[in-house]
């Protein structure tokens, strides 16, 4: 009887030891005092947890092209709001407004994503999205 009970307990202990994905708050990563607006060509889309990301090549005032990493919400929330994996595709030209990373890198959290060719708003953050 003791062996039958100890096996499930041992399995539970092993599962509890598996590391989980870390999820940081918006304010830990992004600075609301660093608003950004970038326009560029989508190069890649990552449909991952805990957040979806897409990458945009943006030409700076100096003519240099920098690749921006743009964070969205988790894919379940995106699905509930009508987004799918191909809502933004490589080659699309978009304008993104949002907030830049605290470390000053070319990373931002999107408030809006607008398809430049049509003016269609593809994404608009709702109150309470940033925690």
N, C-alpha and C. Protein backbone atom coordinates (compact mmCIF):
# COMPACT_ATOMS: atom_id res chain seq x y z
N UNK A 1 0.82 -1.19 0.00
CA UNK A 1 0.00 0.00 0.00
C UNK A 1 0.86 1.26 0.00
N UNK A 2 1.95 1.23 0.80
CA UNK A 2 2.82 2.40 0.86
C UNK A 2 3.44 2.70 -0.51
N UNK A 3 3.83 1.68 -1.24
CA UNK A 3 4.43 1.88 -2.57
C UNK A 3 3.43 2.49 -3.53
N UNK A 4 2.18 2.08 -3.45
CA UNK A 4 1.15 2.61 -4.34
C UNK A 4 0.90 4.09 -4.08
N UNK A 5 1.02 4.51 -2.86
CA UNK A 5 0.81 5.93 -2.52
C UNK A 5 2.06 6.75 -2.86
N UNK A 6 3.23 6.19 -2.66
CA UNK A 6 4.46 6.97 -2.85
C UNK A 6 4.75 7.26 -4.33
N UNK A 7 4.29 6.42 -5.25
CA UNK A 7 4.52 6.67 -6.67
C UNK A 7 3.81 7.94 -7.13
N UNK A 8 2.50 8.09 -6.88
CA UNK A 8 1.85 9.35 -7.29
C UNK A 8 2.45 10.58 -6.61
N UNK A 9 2.85 10.44 -5.36
CA UNK A 9 3.45 11.57 -4.65
C UNK A 9 4.79 11.93 -5.29
N UNK A 10 5.59 10.90 -5.64
CA UNK A 10 6.87 11.14 -6.30
C UNK A 10 6.71 11.81 -7.65
N UNK A 11 5.72 11.37 -8.43
CA UNK A 11 5.44 11.98 -9.73
C UNK A 11 5.02 13.43 -9.54
N UNK A 12 4.17 13.70 -8.57
CA UNK A 12 3.72 15.07 -8.30
C UNK A 12 4.89 15.97 -7.93
N UNK A 13 5.81 15.44 -7.14
CA UNK A 13 6.99 16.24 -6.76
C UNK A 13 7.87 16.55 -7.97
N UNK A 14 8.04 15.58 -8.85
CA UNK A 14 8.83 15.82 -10.06
C UNK A 14 8.18 16.86 -10.96
N UNK A 15 6.86 16.78 -11.13
CA UNK A 15 6.16 17.75 -11.96
C UNK A 15 6.23 19.15 -11.37
N UNK A 16 6.17 19.24 -10.06
CA UNK A 16 6.24 20.55 -9.41
C UNK A 16 7.61 21.20 -9.59
N UNK A 17 8.62 20.37 -9.81
CA UNK A 17 9.98 20.90 -9.96
C UNK A 17 10.27 21.39 -11.37
N UNK A 18 9.40 21.11 -12.34
CA UNK A 18 9.62 21.55 -13.72
C UNK A 18 9.53 23.07 -13.76
N UNK A 19 10.54 23.75 -14.32
CA UNK A 19 10.50 25.21 -14.35
C UNK A 19 9.38 25.71 -15.26
N UNK A 20 8.78 26.81 -14.86
CA UNK A 20 7.72 27.42 -15.66
C UNK A 20 8.27 28.65 -16.37
N UNK A 21 7.57 29.09 -17.41
CA UNK A 21 7.97 30.30 -18.12
C UNK A 21 7.77 31.51 -17.23
N UNK A 22 8.71 32.38 -17.24
CA UNK A 22 8.62 33.59 -16.44
C UNK A 22 7.81 34.64 -17.20
N UNK A 23 6.95 35.33 -16.49
CA UNK A 23 6.14 36.37 -17.10
C UNK A 23 6.34 37.65 -16.29
N UNK A 24 6.91 38.65 -16.93
CA UNK A 24 7.20 39.91 -16.25
C UNK A 24 6.09 40.91 -16.51
N UNK A 25 5.92 41.80 -15.58
CA UNK A 25 4.89 42.82 -15.75
C UNK A 25 5.32 43.83 -16.81
N UNK A 26 4.33 44.53 -17.36
CA UNK A 26 4.59 45.55 -18.36
C UNK A 26 5.59 46.58 -17.84
N UNK A 27 5.38 47.07 -16.63
CA UNK A 27 6.23 48.13 -16.10
C UNK A 27 7.66 47.68 -15.81
N UNK A 28 7.87 46.38 -15.66
CA UNK A 28 9.23 45.88 -15.47
C UNK A 28 10.03 45.95 -16.77
N UNK A 29 9.34 45.83 -17.90
CA UNK A 29 10.02 45.77 -19.19
C UNK A 29 9.93 47.07 -20.00
N UNK A 30 8.81 47.78 -19.88
CA UNK A 30 8.55 48.93 -20.75
C UNK A 30 8.34 50.20 -19.93
N UNK A 31 8.62 51.33 -20.57
CA UNK A 31 8.58 52.63 -19.91
C UNK A 31 7.47 53.49 -20.51
N UNK A 32 6.44 53.81 -19.71
CA UNK A 32 5.34 54.63 -20.21
C UNK A 32 5.79 56.06 -20.51
N UNK A 33 6.97 56.43 -20.04
CA UNK A 33 7.54 57.74 -20.35
C UNK A 33 8.42 57.71 -21.59
N UNK A 34 8.39 56.59 -22.31
CA UNK A 34 9.16 56.45 -23.55
C UNK A 34 8.23 56.03 -24.69
N UNK A 35 7.31 56.91 -25.08
CA UNK A 35 6.42 56.55 -26.19
C UNK A 35 7.23 56.45 -27.49
N UNK A 36 6.83 55.51 -28.34
CA UNK A 36 7.51 55.33 -29.62
C UNK A 36 6.47 55.23 -30.74
N UNK A 37 6.87 55.64 -31.92
CA UNK A 37 6.09 55.42 -33.13
C UNK A 37 7.09 55.06 -34.22
N UNK A 38 6.90 53.89 -34.81
CA UNK A 38 7.78 53.43 -35.86
C UNK A 38 6.95 52.93 -37.04
N UNK A 39 7.49 53.13 -38.22
CA UNK A 39 6.87 52.61 -39.45
C UNK A 39 7.92 51.79 -40.17
N UNK A 40 7.54 50.59 -40.56
CA UNK A 40 8.49 49.74 -41.25
C UNK A 40 7.85 48.48 -41.79
N UNK A 41 8.69 47.62 -42.32
CA UNK A 41 8.26 46.38 -42.96
C UNK A 41 8.40 45.21 -42.00
N UNK A 42 7.32 44.45 -41.86
CA UNK A 42 7.33 43.27 -40.99
C UNK A 42 8.28 42.24 -41.59
N UNK A 43 9.19 41.71 -40.75
CA UNK A 43 10.16 40.71 -41.20
C UNK A 43 9.87 39.33 -40.66
N UNK A 44 9.22 39.25 -39.50
CA UNK A 44 8.98 37.96 -38.87
C UNK A 44 7.85 38.09 -37.86
N UNK A 45 7.12 36.99 -37.66
CA UNK A 45 6.06 36.93 -36.66
C UNK A 45 6.31 35.69 -35.81
N UNK A 46 6.29 35.86 -34.48
CA UNK A 46 6.46 34.74 -33.56
C UNK A 46 5.18 34.59 -32.75
N UNK A 47 4.47 33.54 -32.97
CA UNK A 47 3.20 33.26 -32.32
C UNK A 47 3.51 32.37 -31.12
N UNK A 48 3.96 32.98 -30.02
CA UNK A 48 4.47 32.22 -28.87
C UNK A 48 3.82 32.68 -27.58
N UNK A 49 3.98 31.88 -26.54
CA UNK A 49 3.58 32.26 -25.19
C UNK A 49 4.81 32.68 -24.43
N UNK A 50 4.77 33.59 -23.49
CA UNK A 50 3.54 34.18 -22.99
C UNK A 50 3.02 35.34 -23.83
N UNK A 51 3.79 35.83 -24.80
CA UNK A 51 3.34 36.93 -25.65
C UNK A 51 3.71 36.66 -27.10
N UNK A 52 2.88 37.16 -28.01
CA UNK A 52 3.22 37.11 -29.43
C UNK A 52 4.12 38.31 -29.74
N UNK A 53 5.01 38.13 -30.70
CA UNK A 53 5.94 39.18 -31.12
C UNK A 53 5.96 39.26 -32.64
N UNK A 54 6.21 40.45 -33.15
CA UNK A 54 6.56 40.57 -34.56
C UNK A 54 7.70 41.56 -34.67
N UNK A 55 8.41 41.48 -35.78
CA UNK A 55 9.64 42.25 -35.96
C UNK A 55 9.50 43.11 -37.20
N UNK A 56 9.98 44.36 -37.09
CA UNK A 56 9.80 45.35 -38.14
C UNK A 56 11.14 46.01 -38.45
N UNK A 57 11.51 46.04 -39.73
CA UNK A 57 12.68 46.80 -40.16
C UNK A 57 12.28 48.25 -40.32
N UNK A 58 12.93 49.13 -39.56
CA UNK A 58 12.61 50.55 -39.53
C UNK A 58 13.84 51.35 -39.93
N UNK A 59 13.68 52.24 -40.91
CA UNK A 59 14.77 53.10 -41.32
C UNK A 59 14.79 54.34 -40.43
N UNK A 60 15.93 54.60 -39.80
CA UNK A 60 16.07 55.74 -38.92
C UNK A 60 16.38 57.01 -39.70
N UNK A 61 16.40 58.12 -38.99
CA UNK A 61 16.71 59.41 -39.60
C UNK A 61 18.10 59.42 -40.22
N UNK A 62 18.99 58.58 -39.69
CA UNK A 62 20.36 58.51 -40.21
C UNK A 62 20.48 57.56 -41.41
N UNK A 63 19.36 56.94 -41.84
CA UNK A 63 19.36 56.03 -42.97
C UNK A 63 19.65 54.59 -42.61
N UNK A 64 20.06 54.35 -41.38
CA UNK A 64 20.35 52.98 -40.93
C UNK A 64 19.03 52.25 -40.65
N UNK A 65 18.99 50.98 -41.03
CA UNK A 65 17.80 50.16 -40.78
C UNK A 65 18.03 49.37 -39.50
N UNK A 66 17.07 49.48 -38.60
CA UNK A 66 17.13 48.75 -37.34
C UNK A 66 15.89 47.86 -37.25
N UNK A 67 16.08 46.67 -36.72
CA UNK A 67 14.98 45.74 -36.55
C UNK A 67 14.38 45.92 -35.16
N UNK A 68 13.09 46.30 -35.12
CA UNK A 68 12.36 46.49 -33.88
C UNK A 68 11.60 45.23 -33.53
N UNK A 69 11.65 44.84 -32.26
CA UNK A 69 10.86 43.74 -31.73
C UNK A 69 9.62 44.34 -31.09
N UNK A 70 8.44 43.93 -31.54
CA UNK A 70 7.18 44.50 -31.06
C UNK A 70 6.40 43.41 -30.32
N UNK A 71 6.10 43.68 -29.06
CA UNK A 71 5.36 42.73 -28.24
C UNK A 71 3.87 43.01 -28.28
N UNK A 72 3.10 41.94 -28.37
CA UNK A 72 1.64 42.00 -28.25
C UNK A 72 1.25 41.23 -26.99
N UNK A 73 -0.03 40.93 -26.86
CA UNK A 73 -0.50 40.14 -25.72
C UNK A 73 -0.31 38.65 -26.00
N UNK A 74 -0.77 37.83 -25.08
CA UNK A 74 -0.72 36.38 -25.25
C UNK A 74 -1.63 35.94 -26.37
N UNK A 75 -1.29 34.79 -26.97
CA UNK A 75 -2.03 34.35 -28.15
C UNK A 75 -3.49 34.03 -27.85
N UNK A 76 -3.80 33.57 -26.64
CA UNK A 76 -5.21 33.30 -26.33
C UNK A 76 -6.03 34.58 -26.34
N UNK A 77 -5.49 35.65 -25.78
CA UNK A 77 -6.18 36.93 -25.80
C UNK A 77 -6.30 37.45 -27.22
N UNK A 78 -5.25 37.30 -28.02
CA UNK A 78 -5.29 37.73 -29.41
C UNK A 78 -6.37 36.97 -30.18
N UNK A 79 -6.44 35.66 -29.99
CA UNK A 79 -7.49 34.85 -30.65
C UNK A 79 -8.89 35.36 -30.28
N UNK A 80 -9.09 35.62 -29.00
CA UNK A 80 -10.41 36.10 -28.54
C UNK A 80 -10.78 37.43 -29.18
N UNK A 81 -9.78 38.21 -29.56
CA UNK A 81 -10.04 39.51 -30.19
C UNK A 81 -9.98 39.45 -31.71
N UNK A 82 -9.93 38.25 -32.26
CA UNK A 82 -10.00 38.10 -33.70
C UNK A 82 -8.68 38.02 -34.44
N UNK A 83 -7.57 38.05 -33.70
CA UNK A 83 -6.27 37.93 -34.34
C UNK A 83 -5.97 36.48 -34.62
N UNK A 84 -5.30 36.25 -35.73
CA UNK A 84 -4.78 34.93 -36.04
C UNK A 84 -3.30 35.08 -36.38
N UNK A 85 -2.65 33.98 -36.56
CA UNK A 85 -1.21 33.96 -36.82
C UNK A 85 -0.82 34.80 -38.04
N UNK A 86 -1.71 34.90 -39.02
CA UNK A 86 -1.37 35.62 -40.25
C UNK A 86 -2.00 37.01 -40.34
N UNK A 87 -2.44 37.56 -39.21
CA UNK A 87 -3.02 38.92 -39.21
C UNK A 87 -1.98 39.95 -39.67
N UNK A 88 -0.75 39.77 -39.23
CA UNK A 88 0.38 40.58 -39.70
C UNK A 88 1.34 39.60 -40.34
N UNK A 89 1.76 39.91 -41.58
CA UNK A 89 2.60 38.98 -42.33
C UNK A 89 3.91 39.66 -42.75
N UNK A 90 4.97 38.88 -42.89
CA UNK A 90 6.20 39.46 -43.44
C UNK A 90 5.90 40.15 -44.77
N UNK A 91 6.45 41.34 -44.91
CA UNK A 91 6.22 42.14 -46.11
C UNK A 91 5.20 43.25 -45.89
N UNK A 92 4.31 43.09 -44.89
CA UNK A 92 3.36 44.16 -44.57
C UNK A 92 4.12 45.38 -44.04
N UNK A 93 3.69 46.57 -44.45
CA UNK A 93 4.24 47.79 -43.89
C UNK A 93 3.24 48.29 -42.85
N UNK A 94 3.73 48.48 -41.63
CA UNK A 94 2.87 48.88 -40.52
C UNK A 94 3.45 50.08 -39.80
N UNK A 95 2.54 50.80 -39.16
CA UNK A 95 2.93 51.86 -38.22
C UNK A 95 2.51 51.39 -36.84
N UNK A 96 3.46 51.39 -35.92
CA UNK A 96 3.23 50.92 -34.56
C UNK A 96 3.43 52.07 -33.60
N UNK A 97 2.47 52.28 -32.72
CA UNK A 97 2.69 53.18 -31.59
C UNK A 97 2.70 52.32 -30.35
N UNK A 98 3.43 52.76 -29.37
CA UNK A 98 3.51 51.99 -28.13
C UNK A 98 4.52 52.60 -27.19
N UNK A 99 5.09 51.74 -26.37
CA UNK A 99 6.04 52.18 -25.36
C UNK A 99 7.32 51.38 -25.49
N UNK A 100 8.45 52.11 -25.45
CA UNK A 100 9.75 51.49 -25.62
C UNK A 100 10.24 50.78 -24.38
N UNK A 101 11.20 49.91 -24.61
CA UNK A 101 11.81 49.14 -23.53
C UNK A 101 12.58 50.05 -22.59
N UNK A 102 12.59 49.67 -21.32
CA UNK A 102 13.32 50.44 -20.31
C UNK A 102 14.82 50.47 -20.60
N UNK A 103 15.34 49.42 -21.26
CA UNK A 103 16.78 49.36 -21.52
C UNK A 103 17.22 50.18 -22.73
N UNK A 104 16.26 50.88 -23.38
CA UNK A 104 16.59 51.74 -24.51
C UNK A 104 16.77 51.00 -25.83
N UNK A 105 16.53 49.71 -25.84
CA UNK A 105 16.71 48.92 -27.06
C UNK A 105 15.58 49.18 -28.05
N UNK A 106 15.68 48.57 -29.22
CA UNK A 106 14.64 48.69 -30.24
C UNK A 106 13.58 47.62 -30.00
N UNK A 107 12.99 47.69 -28.82
CA UNK A 107 11.93 46.78 -28.40
C UNK A 107 10.79 47.64 -27.88
N UNK A 108 9.56 47.27 -28.23
CA UNK A 108 8.40 48.06 -27.79
C UNK A 108 7.21 47.15 -27.55
N UNK A 109 6.30 47.65 -26.74
CA UNK A 109 5.01 47.01 -26.52
C UNK A 109 3.99 47.83 -27.31
N UNK A 110 3.22 47.16 -28.18
CA UNK A 110 2.32 47.86 -29.09
C UNK A 110 1.05 48.35 -28.41
N UNK A 111 0.71 49.62 -28.67
CA UNK A 111 -0.59 50.17 -28.32
C UNK A 111 -1.52 50.11 -29.52
N UNK A 112 -0.97 50.46 -30.69
CA UNK A 112 -1.72 50.35 -31.94
C UNK A 112 -0.80 49.80 -33.03
N UNK A 113 -1.42 49.07 -33.95
CA UNK A 113 -0.73 48.60 -35.15
C UNK A 113 -1.65 48.93 -36.31
N UNK A 114 -1.14 49.74 -37.24
CA UNK A 114 -1.94 50.19 -38.39
C UNK A 114 -1.28 49.71 -39.66
N UNK A 115 -2.07 49.07 -40.52
CA UNK A 115 -1.59 48.66 -41.84
C UNK A 115 -1.48 49.91 -42.69
N UNK A 116 -0.27 50.28 -43.05
CA UNK A 116 0.00 51.56 -43.70
C UNK A 116 -0.70 51.69 -45.05
N UNK A 117 -0.78 50.61 -45.80
CA UNK A 117 -1.35 50.68 -47.16
C UNK A 117 -2.84 51.03 -47.16
N UNK A 118 -3.56 50.63 -46.12
CA UNK A 118 -5.02 50.86 -46.08
C UNK A 118 -5.47 51.78 -44.96
N UNK A 119 -4.60 51.98 -43.97
CA UNK A 119 -4.99 52.76 -42.80
C UNK A 119 -5.79 51.96 -41.79
N UNK A 120 -5.97 50.66 -42.05
CA UNK A 120 -6.75 49.81 -41.15
C UNK A 120 -6.01 49.60 -39.83
N UNK A 121 -6.72 49.80 -38.73
CA UNK A 121 -6.16 49.53 -37.42
C UNK A 121 -6.26 48.03 -37.18
N UNK A 122 -5.10 47.38 -37.11
CA UNK A 122 -5.05 45.94 -36.90
C UNK A 122 -5.08 45.58 -35.43
N UNK A 123 -4.59 46.49 -34.60
CA UNK A 123 -4.52 46.24 -33.16
C UNK A 123 -4.67 47.54 -32.41
N UNK A 124 -5.43 47.51 -31.35
CA UNK A 124 -5.52 48.64 -30.44
C UNK A 124 -5.67 48.09 -29.04
N UNK A 125 -4.73 48.44 -28.19
CA UNK A 125 -4.76 47.96 -26.81
C UNK A 125 -5.96 48.53 -26.07
N UNK A 126 -6.53 47.73 -25.21
CA UNK A 126 -7.66 48.15 -24.39
C UNK A 126 -7.17 48.54 -23.01
N UNK A 127 -7.98 49.33 -22.30
CA UNK A 127 -7.64 49.67 -20.93
C UNK A 127 -7.49 48.37 -20.14
N UNK A 128 -6.47 48.28 -19.34
CA UNK A 128 -6.24 47.09 -18.54
C UNK A 128 -5.36 46.05 -19.21
N UNK A 129 -4.96 46.27 -20.46
CA UNK A 129 -4.09 45.31 -21.14
C UNK A 129 -2.69 45.28 -20.55
N UNK A 130 -2.22 46.40 -20.04
CA UNK A 130 -0.86 46.49 -19.52
C UNK A 130 -0.88 46.32 -18.00
N UNK A 131 -0.21 45.30 -17.57
CA UNK A 131 -0.16 45.03 -16.12
C UNK A 131 1.24 44.81 -15.68
